[in-house]
């Protein structure tokens, strides 16, 4: 079950980052209220805090998190932007998720490669 917890934490972290970037985008590109910067900044602060909750070395977490971010961004494209992903979007995000799984869950050995 720690694997599911890790993946769930990655998805929550990705949502926090995407929201933190999407709200300023709405202000800058869509002419929405500048007040969107406040929840956007809070969301990015939550994103940084969530990254600190992961149980392994920061570099490994950041590398693996990138795969989940890619997958989540494709889902955001579909759910929020209303743009249906292509087959290649799904293939690419699946490869990214596979990369995340290899990085996070591969057996570890002591010492150099």
PDB file of N, CA and C in Angstrom:
ATOM      1  N   UNK A   1       0.777  -1.215   0.000  1.00  0.00           N
ATOM      2  CA  UNK A   1       0.000   0.000   0.000  1.00  0.00           C
ATOM      3  C   UNK A   1       0.824   1.289   0.000  1.00  0.00           C
ATOM      4  N   UNK A   2       2.105   1.266   0.415  1.00  0.00           N
ATOM      5  CA  UNK A   2       2.860   2.522   0.343  1.00  0.00           C
ATOM      6  C   UNK A   2       2.977   3.042  -1.092  1.00  0.00           C
ATOM      7  N   UNK A   3       2.943   2.132  -2.065  1.00  0.00           N
ATOM      8  CA  UNK A   3       3.021   2.561  -3.465  1.00  0.00           C
ATOM      9  C   UNK A   3       1.801   3.385  -3.846  1.00  0.00           C
ATOM     10  N   UNK A   4       0.615   2.953  -3.427  1.00  0.00           N
ATOM     11  CA  UNK A   4      -0.600   3.710  -3.740  1.00  0.00           C
ATOM     12  C   UNK A   4      -0.592   5.071  -3.050  1.00  0.00           C
ATOM     13  N   UNK A   5      -0.087   5.100  -1.827  1.00  0.00           N
ATOM     14  CA  UNK A   5       0.013   6.370  -1.106  1.00  0.00           C
ATOM     15  C   UNK A   5       0.959   7.323  -1.836  1.00  0.00           C
ATOM     16  N   UNK A   6       2.084   6.800  -2.300  1.00  0.00           N
ATOM     17  CA  UNK A   6       3.054   7.613  -3.028  1.00  0.00           C
ATOM     18  C   UNK A   6       2.448   8.158  -4.319  1.00  0.00           C
ATOM     19  N   UNK A   7       1.790   7.303  -5.077  1.00  0.00           N
ATOM     20  CA  UNK A   7       1.176   7.740  -6.334  1.00  0.00           C
ATOM     21  C   UNK A   7       0.072   8.757  -6.066  1.00  0.00           C
ATOM     22  N   UNK A   8      -0.739   8.513  -5.047  1.00  0.00           N
ATOM     23  CA  UNK A   8      -1.790   9.473  -4.684  1.00  0.00           C
ATOM     24  C   UNK A   8      -1.214  10.827  -4.309  1.00  0.00           C
ATOM     25  N   UNK A   9      -0.123  10.807  -3.545  1.00  0.00           N
ATOM     26  CA  UNK A   9       0.537  12.054  -3.166  1.00  0.00           C
ATOM     27  C   UNK A   9       1.096  12.769  -4.391  1.00  0.00           C
ATOM     28  N   UNK A  10       1.633  12.012  -5.339  1.00  0.00           N
ATOM     29  CA  UNK A  10       2.103  12.607  -6.588  1.00  0.00           C
ATOM     30  C   UNK A  10       0.960  13.308  -7.323  1.00  0.00           C
ATOM     31  N   UNK A  11      -0.207  12.662  -7.405  1.00  0.00           N
ATOM     32  CA  UNK A  11      -1.337  13.267  -8.124  1.00  0.00           C
ATOM     33  C   UNK A  11      -1.822  14.536  -7.433  1.00  0.00           C
ATOM     34  N   UNK A  12      -1.900  14.520  -6.111  1.00  0.00           N
ATOM     35  CA  UNK A  12      -2.309  15.717  -5.376  1.00  0.00           C
ATOM     36  C   UNK A  12      -1.290  16.838  -5.592  1.00  0.00           C
ATOM     37  N   UNK A  13      -0.009  16.477  -5.583  1.00  0.00           N
ATOM     38  CA  UNK A  13       1.060  17.445  -5.816  1.00  0.00           C
ATOM     39  C   UNK A  13       0.932  18.048  -7.217  1.00  0.00           C
ATOM     40  N   UNK A  14       0.650  17.209  -8.205  1.00  0.00           N
ATOM     41  CA  UNK A  14       0.506  17.688  -9.586  1.00  0.00           C
ATOM     42  C   UNK A  14      -0.682  18.644  -9.718  1.00  0.00           C
ATOM     43  N   UNK A  15      -1.790  18.314  -9.090  1.00  0.00           N
ATOM     44  CA  UNK A  15      -2.963  19.194  -9.146  1.00  0.00           C
ATOM     45  C   UNK A  15      -2.621  20.550  -8.529  1.00  0.00           C
ATOM     46  N   UNK A  16      -1.922  20.545  -7.390  1.00  0.00           N
ATOM     47  CA  UNK A  16      -1.544  21.808  -6.749  1.00  0.00           C
ATOM     48  C   UNK A  16      -0.665  22.649  -7.677  1.00  0.00           C
ATOM     49  N   UNK A  17       0.279  22.003  -8.369  1.00  0.00           N
ATOM     50  CA  UNK A  17       1.153  22.748  -9.278  1.00  0.00           C
ATOM     51  C   UNK A  17       0.378  23.277 -10.482  1.00  0.00           C
ATOM     52  N   UNK A  18      -0.459  22.453 -11.052  1.00  0.00           N
ATOM     53  CA  UNK A  18      -1.217  22.875 -12.235  1.00  0.00           C
ATOM     54  C   UNK A  18      -2.158  24.020 -11.893  1.00  0.00           C
ATOM     55  N   UNK A  19      -2.868  23.916 -10.775  1.00  0.00           N
ATOM     56  CA  UNK A  19      -3.768  25.003 -10.363  1.00  0.00           C
ATOM     57  C   UNK A  19      -2.963  26.277 -10.112  1.00  0.00           C
ATOM     58  N   UNK A  20      -1.799  26.128  -9.465  1.00  0.00           N
ATOM     59  CA  UNK A  20      -0.966  27.289  -9.182  1.00  0.00           C
ATOM     60  C   UNK A  20      -0.447  27.986 -10.424  1.00  0.00           C
ATOM     61  N   UNK A  21      -0.357  27.268 -11.513  1.00  0.00           N
ATOM     62  CA  UNK A  21       0.064  27.875 -12.785  1.00  0.00           C
ATOM     63  C   UNK A  21      -1.128  28.291 -13.640  1.00  0.00           C
ATOM     64  N   UNK A  22      -2.227  27.576 -13.529  1.00  0.00           N
ATOM     65  CA  UNK A  22      -3.407  27.842 -14.356  1.00  0.00           C
ATOM     66  C   UNK A  22      -4.094  29.150 -13.957  1.00  0.00           C
ATOM     67  N   UNK A  23      -4.160  29.438 -12.662  1.00  0.00           N
ATOM     68  CA  UNK A  23      -4.847  30.654 -12.223  1.00  0.00           C
ATOM     69  C   UNK A  23      -4.145  31.923 -12.713  1.00  0.00           C
ATOM     70  N   UNK A  24      -2.821  32.033 -12.620  1.00  0.00           N
ATOM     71  CA  UNK A  24      -2.171  33.205 -13.233  1.00  0.00           C
ATOM     72  C   UNK A  24      -2.352  33.244 -14.751  1.00  0.00           C
ATOM     73  N   UNK A  25      -2.371  32.085 -15.369  1.00  0.00           N
ATOM     74  CA  UNK A  25      -2.629  32.016 -16.818  1.00  0.00           C
ATOM     75  C   UNK A  25      -3.985  32.651 -17.137  1.00  0.00           C
ATOM     76  N   UNK A  26      -4.996  32.322 -16.325  1.00  0.00           N
ATOM     77  CA  UNK A  26      -6.326  32.900 -16.560  1.00  0.00           C
ATOM     78  C   UNK A  26      -6.292  34.422 -16.451  1.00  0.00           C
ATOM     79  N   UNK A  27      -5.520  34.934 -15.506  1.00  0.00           N
ATOM     80  CA  UNK A  27      -5.401  36.381 -15.354  1.00  0.00           C
ATOM     81  C   UNK A  27      -4.650  36.993 -16.543  1.00  0.00           C
ATOM     82  N   UNK A  28      -3.517  36.390 -16.901  1.00  0.00           N
ATOM     83  CA  UNK A  28      -2.671  36.957 -17.948  1.00  0.00           C
ATOM     84  C   UNK A  28      -3.251  36.808 -19.351  1.00  0.00           C
ATOM     85  N   UNK A  29      -3.799  35.658 -19.645  1.00  0.00           N
ATOM     86  CA  UNK A  29      -4.218  35.360 -21.023  1.00  0.00           C
ATOM     87  C   UNK A  29      -5.717  35.495 -21.272  1.00  0.00           C
ATOM     88  N   UNK A  30      -6.506  35.319 -20.218  1.00  0.00           N
ATOM     89  CA  UNK A  30      -7.959  35.313 -20.397  1.00  0.00           C
ATOM     90  C   UNK A  30      -8.636  36.561 -19.821  1.00  0.00           C
ATOM     91  N   UNK A  31      -7.832  37.467 -19.239  1.00  0.00           N
ATOM     92  CA  UNK A  31      -8.385  38.710 -18.718  1.00  0.00           C
ATOM     93  C   UNK A  31      -9.215  38.553 -17.449  1.00  0.00           C
ATOM     94  N   UNK A  32      -9.001  37.482 -16.710  1.00  0.00           N
ATOM     95  CA  UNK A  32      -9.733  37.274 -15.454  1.00  0.00           C
ATOM     96  C   UNK A  32      -9.143  38.173 -14.369  1.00  0.00           C
ATOM     97  N   UNK A  33      -9.784  38.199 -13.216  1.00  0.00           N
ATOM     98  CA  UNK A  33      -9.379  39.072 -12.127  1.00  0.00           C
ATOM     99  C   UNK A  33      -7.974  38.768 -11.603  1.00  0.00           C
ATOM    100  N   UNK A  34      -7.283  39.828 -11.220  1.00  0.00           N
ATOM    101  CA  UNK A  34      -5.939  39.682 -10.650  1.00  0.00           C
ATOM    102  C   UNK A  34      -5.977  38.927  -9.330  1.00  0.00           C
ATOM    103  N   UNK A  35      -7.127  38.889  -8.691  1.00  0.00           N
ATOM    104  CA  UNK A  35      -7.263  38.182  -7.407  1.00  0.00           C
ATOM    105  C   UNK A  35      -7.022  36.683  -7.551  1.00  0.00           C
ATOM    106  N   UNK A  36      -7.007  36.169  -8.761  1.00  0.00           N
ATOM    107  CA  UNK A  36      -6.666  34.756  -8.966  1.00  0.00           C
ATOM    108  C   UNK A  36      -5.224  34.457  -8.578  1.00  0.00           C
ATOM    109  N   UNK A  37      -4.390  35.506  -8.492  1.00  0.00           N
ATOM    110  CA  UNK A  37      -2.999  35.301  -8.093  1.00  0.00           C
ATOM    111  C   UNK A  37      -2.880  34.839  -6.640  1.00  0.00           C
ATOM    112  N   UNK A  38      -3.838  35.217  -5.798  1.00  0.00           N
ATOM    113  CA  UNK A  38      -3.768  34.828  -4.390  1.00  0.00           C
ATOM    114  C   UNK A  38      -3.936  33.313  -4.238  1.00  0.00           C
ATOM    115  N   UNK A  39      -5.036  32.709  -4.727  1.00  0.00           N
ATOM    116  CA  UNK A  39      -5.114  31.253  -4.611  1.00  0.00           C
ATOM    117  C   UNK A  39      -4.055  30.543  -5.443  1.00  0.00           C
ATOM    118  N   UNK A  40      -3.607  31.178  -6.540  1.00  0.00           N
ATOM    119  CA  UNK A  40      -2.530  30.591  -7.332  1.00  0.00           C
ATOM    120  C   UNK A  40      -1.243  30.477  -6.520  1.00  0.00           C
ATOM    121  N   UNK A  41      -0.895  31.541  -5.791  1.00  0.00           N
ATOM    122  CA  UNK A  41       0.309  31.516  -4.956  1.00  0.00           C
ATOM    123  C   UNK A  41       0.162  30.512  -3.821  1.00  0.00           C
ATOM    124  N   UNK A  42      -1.008  30.439  -3.219  1.00  0.00           N
ATOM    125  CA  UNK A  42      -1.244  29.462  -2.156  1.00  0.00           C
ATOM    126  C   UNK A  42      -1.129  28.037  -2.681  1.00  0.00           C
ATOM    127  N   UNK A  43      -1.621  27.821  -3.894  1.00  0.00           N
ATOM    128  CA  UNK A  43      -1.542  26.498  -4.497  1.00  0.00           C
ATOM    129  C   UNK A  43      -0.092  26.111  -4.777  1.00  0.00           C
ATOM    130  N   UNK A  44       0.719  27.065  -5.234  1.00  0.00           N
ATOM    131  CA  UNK A  44       2.133  26.769  -5.474  1.00  0.00           C
ATOM    132  C   UNK A  44       2.882  26.535  -4.164  1.00  0.00           C
ATOM    133  N   UNK A  45       2.486  27.239  -3.101  1.00  0.00           N
ATOM    134  CA  UNK A  45       3.092  26.982  -1.789  1.00  0.00           C
ATOM    135  C   UNK A  45       2.722  25.575  -1.319  1.00  0.00           C
ATOM    136  N   UNK A  46       1.466  25.173  -1.541  1.00  0.00           N
ATOM    137  CA  UNK A  46       1.037  23.814  -1.179  1.00  0.00           C
ATOM    138  C   UNK A  46       1.807  22.784  -1.995  1.00  0.00           C
ATOM    139  N   UNK A  47       2.047  23.083  -3.262  1.00  0.00           N
ATOM    140  CA  UNK A  47       2.829  22.199  -4.128  1.00  0.00           C
ATOM    141  C   UNK A  47       4.223  21.965  -3.548  1.00  0.00           C
ATOM    142  N   UNK A  48       4.914  23.040  -3.151  1.00  0.00           N
ATOM    143  CA  UNK A  48       6.254  22.895  -2.582  1.00  0.00           C
ATOM    144  C   UNK A  48       6.213  22.092  -1.285  1.00  0.00           C
ATOM    145  N   UNK A  49       5.236  22.351  -0.455  1.00  0.00           N
ATOM    146  CA  UNK A  49       5.093  21.606   0.806  1.00  0.00           C
ATOM    147  C   UNK A  49       4.816  20.130   0.528  1.00  0.00           C
ATOM    148  N   UNK A  50       3.941  19.841  -0.418  1.00  0.00           N
ATOM    149  CA  UNK A  50       3.612  18.450  -0.741  1.00  0.00           C
ATOM    150  C   UNK A  50       4.837  17.685  -1.225  1.00  0.00           C
ATOM    151  N   UNK A  51       5.694  18.340  -2.007  1.00  0.00           N
ATOM    152  CA  UNK A  51       6.922  17.672  -2.459  1.00  0.00           C
ATOM    153  C   UNK A  51       7.782  17.248  -1.272  1.00  0.00           C
ATOM    154  N   UNK A  52       7.740  18.026  -0.195  1.00  0.00           N
ATOM    155  CA  UNK A  52       8.563  17.698   0.973  1.00  0.00           C
ATOM    156  C   UNK A  52       8.041  16.487   1.741  1.00  0.00           C
ATOM    157  N   UNK A  53       6.826  16.041   1.468  1.00  0.00           N
ATOM    158  CA  UNK A  53       6.231  14.912   2.182  1.00  0.00           C
ATOM    159  C   UNK A  53       6.646  13.554   1.619  1.00  0.00           C
ATOM    160  N   UNK A  54       7.269  13.538   0.474  1.00  0.00           N
ATOM    161  CA  UNK A  54       7.642  12.282  -0.160  1.00  0.00           C
ATOM    162  C   UNK A  54       8.797  11.628   0.601  1.00  0.00           C
ATOM    163  N   UNK A  55       8.784  10.291   0.673  1.00  0.00           N
ATOM    164  CA  UNK A  55       9.688   9.585   1.581  1.00  0.00           C
ATOM    165  C   UNK A  55      11.102   9.306   1.081  1.00  0.00           C
ATOM    166  N   UNK A  56      11.471   9.748  -0.083  1.00  0.00           N
ATOM    167  CA  UNK A  56      12.776   9.393  -0.620  1.00  0.00           C
ATOM    168  C   UNK A  56      13.566  10.641  -1.009  1.00  0.00           C
ATOM    169  N   UNK A  57      14.745  10.471  -1.521  1.00  0.00           N
ATOM    170  CA  UNK A  57      15.638  11.579  -1.874  1.00  0.00           C
ATOM    171  C   UNK A  57      14.948  12.553  -2.828  1.00  0.00           C
ATOM    172  N   UNK A  58      15.190  13.832  -2.618  1.00  0.00           N
ATOM    173  CA  UNK A  58      14.506  14.866  -3.390  1.00  0.00           C
ATOM    174  C   UNK A  58      14.708  14.706  -4.895  1.00  0.00           C
ATOM    175  N   UNK A  59      15.920  14.439  -5.330  1.00  0.00           N
ATOM    176  CA  UNK A  59      16.176  14.296  -6.766  1.00  0.00           C
ATOM    177  C   UNK A  59      15.351  13.182  -7.390  1.00  0.00           C
ATOM    178  N   UNK A  60      15.252  12.067  -6.696  1.00  0.00           N
ATOM    179  CA  UNK A  60      14.461  10.946  -7.194  1.00  0.00           C
ATOM    180  C   UNK A  60      12.978  11.313  -7.237  1.00  0.00           C
ATOM    181  N   UNK A  61      12.515  11.985  -6.203  1.00  0.00           N
ATOM    182  CA  UNK A  61      11.111  12.405  -6.154  1.00  0.00           C
ATOM    183  C   UNK A  61      10.808  13.347  -7.311  1.00  0.00           C
ATOM    184  N   UNK A  62      11.673  14.332  -7.548  1.00  0.00           N
ATOM    185  CA  UNK A  62      11.421  15.288  -8.631  1.00  0.00           C
ATOM    186  C   UNK A  62      11.409  14.601  -9.990  1.00  0.00           C
ATOM    187  N   UNK A  63      12.313  13.669 -10.190  1.00  0.00           N
ATOM    188  CA  UNK A  63      12.364  12.942 -11.467  1.00  0.00           C
ATOM    189  C   UNK A  63      11.106  12.119 -11.676  1.00  0.00           C
ATOM    190  N   UNK A  64      10.712  11.377 -10.658  1.00  0.00           N
ATOM    191  CA  UNK A  64       9.526  10.531 -10.787  1.00  0.00           C
ATOM    192  C   UNK A  64       8.253  11.367 -10.858  1.00  0.00           C
ATOM    193  N   UNK A  65       8.204  12.445 -10.097  1.00  0.00           N
ATOM    194  CA  UNK A  65       7.032  13.315 -10.100  1.00  0.00           C
ATOM    195  C   UNK A  65       6.749  13.852 -11.501  1.00  0.00           C
ATOM    196  N   UNK A  66       7.782  14.103 -12.273  1.00  0.00           N
ATOM    197  CA  UNK A  66       7.604  14.607 -13.632  1.00  0.00           C
ATOM    198  C   UNK A  66       6.712  13.714 -14.473  1.00  0.00           C
ATOM    199  N   UNK A  67       6.834  12.403 -14.299  1.00  0.00           N
ATOM    200  CA  UNK A  67       5.986  11.479 -15.051  1.00  0.00           C
ATOM    201  C   UNK A  67       4.522  11.614 -14.673  1.00  0.00           C
ATOM    202  N   UNK A  68       4.254  11.761 -13.398  1.00  0.00           N
ATOM    203  CA  UNK A  68       2.867  11.921 -12.947  1.00  0.00           C
ATOM    204  C   UNK A  68       2.334  13.285 -13.385  1.00  0.00           C
ATOM    205  N   UNK A  69       3.181  14.304 -13.351  1.00  0.00           N
ATOM    206  CA  UNK A  69       2.766  15.629 -13.799  1.00  0.00           C
ATOM    207  C   UNK A  69       2.322  15.584 -15.263  1.00  0.00           C
ATOM    208  N   UNK A  70       3.089  14.916 -16.101  1.00  0.00           N
ATOM    209  CA  UNK A  70       2.740  14.812 -17.520  1.00  0.00           C
ATOM    210  C   UNK A  70       1.370  14.160 -17.685  1.00  0.00           C
ATOM    211  N   UNK A  71       1.153  13.045 -17.001  1.00  0.00           N
ATOM    212  CA  UNK A  71      -0.120  12.337 -17.089  1.00  0.00           C
ATOM    213  C   UNK A  71      -1.269  13.221 -16.598  1.00  0.00           C
ATOM    214  N   UNK A  72      -1.059  13.887 -15.471  1.00  0.00           N
ATOM    215  CA  UNK A  72      -2.099  14.735 -14.896  1.00  0.00           C
ATOM    216  C   UNK A  72      -2.390  15.935 -15.799  1.00  0.00           C
ATOM    217  N   UNK A  73      -1.369  16.499 -16.418  1.00  0.00           N
ATOM    218  CA  UNK A  73      -1.569  17.623 -17.328  1.00  0.00           C
ATOM    219  C   UNK A  73      -2.408  17.214 -18.542  1.00  0.00           C
ATOM    220  N   UNK A  74      -2.211  16.002 -19.021  1.00  0.00           N
ATOM    221  CA  UNK A  74      -3.034  15.512 -20.141  1.00  0.00           C
ATOM    222  C   UNK A  74      -4.485  15.356 -19.696  1.00  0.00           C
ATOM    223  N   UNK A  75      -4.697  14.849 -18.491  1.00  0.00           N
ATOM    224  CA  UNK A  75      -6.073  14.758 -17.955  1.00  0.00           C
ATOM    225  C   UNK A  75      -6.682  16.150 -17.782  1.00  0.00           C
ATOM    226  N   UNK A  76      -5.882  17.120 -17.330  1.00  0.00           N
ATOM    227  CA  UNK A  76      -6.342  18.502 -17.179  1.00  0.00           C
ATOM    228  C   UNK A  76      -6.750  19.070 -18.541  1.00  0.00           C
ATOM    229  N   UNK A  77      -5.939  18.808 -19.555  1.00  0.00           N
ATOM    230  CA  UNK A  77      -6.246  19.248 -20.915  1.00  0.00           C
ATOM    231  C   UNK A  77      -7.649  18.812 -21.310  1.00  0.00           C
ATOM    232  N   UNK A  78      -7.984  17.588 -20.973  1.00  0.00           N
ATOM    233  CA  UNK A  78      -9.274  17.007 -21.331  1.00  0.00           C
ATOM    234  C   UNK A  78     -10.388  17.540 -20.433  1.00  0.00           C
ATOM    235  N   UNK A  79     -10.195  17.468 -19.119  1.00  0.00           N
ATOM    236  CA  UNK A  79     -11.265  17.798 -18.173  1.00  0.00           C
ATOM    237  C   UNK A  79     -11.530  19.300 -18.058  1.00  0.00           C
ATOM    238  N   UNK A  80     -10.483  20.114 -18.077  1.00  0.00           N
ATOM    239  CA  UNK A  80     -10.656  21.548 -17.830  1.00  0.00           C
ATOM    240  C   UNK A  80     -10.662  22.347 -19.137  1.00  0.00           C
ATOM    241  N   UNK A  81      -9.719  22.061 -20.011  1.00  0.00           N
ATOM    242  CA  UNK A  81      -9.641  22.805 -21.268  1.00  0.00           C
ATOM    243  C   UNK A  81     -10.604  22.276 -22.328  1.00  0.00           C
ATOM    244  N   UNK A  82     -11.149  21.088 -22.095  1.00  0.00           N
ATOM    245  CA  UNK A  82     -12.114  20.522 -23.037  1.00  0.00           C
ATOM    246  C   UNK A  82     -11.504  20.041 -24.338  1.00  0.00           C
ATOM    247  N   UNK A  83     -10.214  19.745 -24.334  1.00  0.00           N
ATOM    248  CA  UNK A  83      -9.536  19.264 -25.536  1.00  0.00           C
ATOM    249  C   UNK A  83      -9.236  17.783 -25.357  1.00  0.00           C
ATOM    250  N   UNK A  84      -9.802  16.980 -26.241  1.00  0.00           N
ATOM    251  CA  UNK A  84      -9.598  15.536 -26.147  1.00  0.00           C
ATOM    252  C   UNK A  84      -8.164  15.188 -26.529  1.00  0.00           C
ATOM    253  N   UNK A  85      -7.464  14.488 -25.643  1.00  0.00           N
ATOM    254  CA  UNK A  85      -6.087  14.089 -25.958  1.00  0.00           C
ATOM    255  C   UNK A  85      -6.045  13.123 -27.147  1.00  0.00           C
ATOM    256  N   UNK A  86      -4.927  13.149 -27.853  1.00  0.00           N
ATOM    257  CA  UNK A  86      -4.730  12.229 -28.962  1.00  0.00           C
ATOM    258  C   UNK A  86      -4.216  10.893 -28.433  1.00  0.00           C
ATOM    259  N   UNK A  87      -4.182   9.918 -29.306  1.00  0.00           N
ATOM    260  CA  UNK A  87      -3.593   8.628 -28.951  1.00  0.00           C
ATOM    261  C   UNK A  87      -2.145   8.831 -28.511  1.00  0.00           C
ATOM    262  N   UNK A  88      -1.434   9.729 -29.183  1.00  0.00           N
ATOM    263  CA  UNK A  88      -0.034   9.973 -28.859  1.00  0.00           C
ATOM    264  C   UNK A  88       0.125  10.656 -27.499  1.00  0.00           C
ATOM    265  N   UNK A  89      -0.852  11.476 -27.118  1.00  0.00           N
ATOM    266  CA  UNK A  89      -0.837  12.043 -25.765  1.00  0.00           C
ATOM    267  C   UNK A  89      -0.922  10.928 -24.730  1.00  0.00           C
ATOM    268  N   UNK A  90      -1.807   9.970 -24.981  1.00  0.00           N
ATOM    269  CA  UNK A  90      -1.961   8.845 -24.054  1.00  0.00           C
ATOM    270  C   UNK A  90      -0.730   7.944 -24.047  1.00  0.00           C
ATOM    271  N   UNK A  91      -0.167   7.698 -25.222  1.00  0.00           N
ATOM    272  CA  UNK A  91       1.041   6.871 -25.289  1.00  0.00           C
ATOM    273  C   UNK A  91       2.187   7.558 -24.545  1.00  0.00           C
ATOM    274  N   UNK A  92       2.393   8.822 -24.804  1.00  0.00           N
ATOM    275  CA  UNK A  92       3.473   9.556 -24.152  1.00  0.00           C
ATOM    276  C   UNK A  92       3.302   9.629 -22.648  1.00  0.00           C
ATOM    277  N   UNK A  93       2.085   9.896 -22.189  1.00  0.00           N
ATOM    278  CA  UNK A  93       1.874   9.967 -20.739  1.00  0.00           C
ATOM    279  C   UNK A  93       1.988   8.589 -20.100  1.00  0.00           C
ATOM    280  N   UNK A  94       1.640   7.537 -20.820  1.00  0.00           N
ATOM    281  CA  UNK A  94       1.820   6.178 -20.291  1.00  0.00           C
ATOM    282  C   UNK A  94       3.305   5.847 -20.136  1.00  0.00           C
ATOM    283  N   UNK A  95       4.109   6.267 -21.105  1.00  0.00           N
ATOM    284  CA  UNK A  95       5.553   6.069 -20.997  1.00  0.00           C
ATOM    285  C   UNK A  95       6.091   6.835 -19.788  1.00  0.00           C
ATOM    286  N   UNK A  96       5.588   8.047 -19.576  1.00  0.00           N
ATOM    287  CA  UNK A  96       6.033   8.854 -18.426  1.00  0.00           C
ATOM    288  C   UNK A  96       5.661   8.171 -17.106  1.00  0.00           C
ATOM    289  N   UNK A  97       4.451   7.609 -17.036  1.00  0.00           N
ATOM    290  CA  UNK A  97       4.017   6.906 -15.821  1.00  0.00           C
ATOM    291  C   UNK A  97       4.883   5.664 -15.602  1.00  0.00           C
ATOM    292  N   UNK A  98       5.207   4.952 -16.671  1.00  0.00           N
ATOM    293  CA  UNK A  98       6.090   3.795 -16.551  1.00  0.00           C
ATOM    294  C   UNK A  98       7.457   4.225 -16.022  1.00  0.00           C
ATOM    295  N   UNK A  99       7.973   5.340 -16.528  1.00  0.00           N
ATOM    296  CA  UNK A  99       9.240   5.864 -16.036  1.00  0.00           C
ATOM    297  C   UNK A  99       9.172   6.203 -14.557  1.00  0.00           C
ATOM    298  N   UNK A 100       8.066   6.806 -14.126  1.00  0.00           N
ATOM    299  CA  UNK A 100       7.884   7.125 -12.716  1.00  0.00           C
ATOM    300  C   UNK A 100       7.915   5.855 -11.877  1.00  0.00           C
ATOM    301  N   UNK A 101       7.228   4.827 -12.324  1.00  0.00           N
ATOM    302  CA  UNK A 101       7.172   3.572 -11.571  1.00  0.00           C
ATOM    303  C   UNK A 101       8.553   2.932 -11.456  1.00  0.00           C
ATOM    304  N   UNK A 102       9.313   2.978 -12.532  1.00  0.00           N
ATOM    305  CA  UNK A 102      10.667   2.411 -12.494  1.00  0.00           C
ATOM    306  C   UNK A 102      11.533   3.190 -11.505  1.00  0.00           C
ATOM    307  N   UNK A 103      11.483   4.504 -11.579  1.00  0.00           N
ATOM    308  CA  UNK A 103      12.302   5.332 -10.688  1.00  0.00           C
ATOM    309  C   UNK A 103      11.920   5.121  -9.226  1.00  0.00           C
ATOM    310  N   UNK A 104      10.646   5.115  -8.932  1.00  0.00           N
ATOM    311  CA  UNK A 104      10.195   5.087  -7.539  1.00  0.00           C
ATOM    312  C   UNK A 104      10.211   3.692  -6.920  1.00  0.00           C
ATOM    313  N   UNK A 105       9.920   2.675  -7.694  1.00  0.00           N
ATOM    314  CA  UNK A 105       9.654   1.368  -7.087  1.00  0.00           C
ATOM    315  C   UNK A 105      10.660   0.276  -7.436  1.00  0.00           C
ATOM    316  N   UNK A 106      11.701   0.623  -8.191  1.00  0.00           N
ATOM    317  CA  UNK A 106      12.729  -0.381  -8.499  1.00  0.00           C
ATOM    318  C   UNK A 106      13.491  -0.742  -7.222  1.00  0.00           C
ATOM    319  N   UNK A 107      13.952  -1.981  -7.141  1.00  0.00           N
ATOM    320  CA  UNK A 107      14.750  -2.362  -5.955  1.00  0.00           C
ATOM    321  C   UNK A 107      16.009  -1.505  -5.870  1.00  0.00           C
ATOM    322  N   UNK A 108      16.424  -1.185  -4.676  1.00  0.00           N
ATOM    323  CA  UNK A 108      17.612  -0.349  -4.463  1.00  0.00           C
ATOM    324  C   UNK A 108      18.730  -1.227  -3.921  1.00  0.00           C
ATOM    325  N   UNK A 109      19.922  -0.941  -4.357  1.00  0.00           N
ATOM    326  CA  UNK A 109      21.092  -1.639  -3.808  1.00  0.00           C
ATOM    327  C   UNK A 109      22.065  -0.600  -3.279  1.00  0.00           C
ATOM    328  N   UNK A 110      22.848  -1.003  -2.326  1.00  0.00           N
ATOM    329  CA  UNK A 110      23.843  -0.095  -1.757  1.00  0.00           C
ATOM    330  C   UNK A 110      25.044  -0.005  -2.687  1.00  0.00           C
ATOM    331  N   UNK A 111      25.684   1.145  -2.693  1.00  0.00           N
ATOM    332  CA  UNK A 111      26.914   1.292  -3.456  1.00  0.00           C
ATOM    333  C   UNK A 111      26.699   1.818  -4.848  1.00  0.00           C
ATOM    334  N   UNK A 112      27.791   1.926  -5.630  1.00  0.00           N
ATOM    335  CA  UNK A 112      27.707   2.472  -6.988  1.00  0.00           C
ATOM    336  C   UNK A 112      27.021   1.488  -7.938  1.00  0.00           C
ATOM    337  N   UNK A 113      26.664   2.012  -9.092  1.00  0.00           N
ATOM    338  CA  UNK A 113      26.017   1.183 -10.109  1.00  0.00           C
ATOM    339  C   UNK A 113      26.942   0.056 -10.441  1.00  0.00           C
TER     340      UNK A 113
END
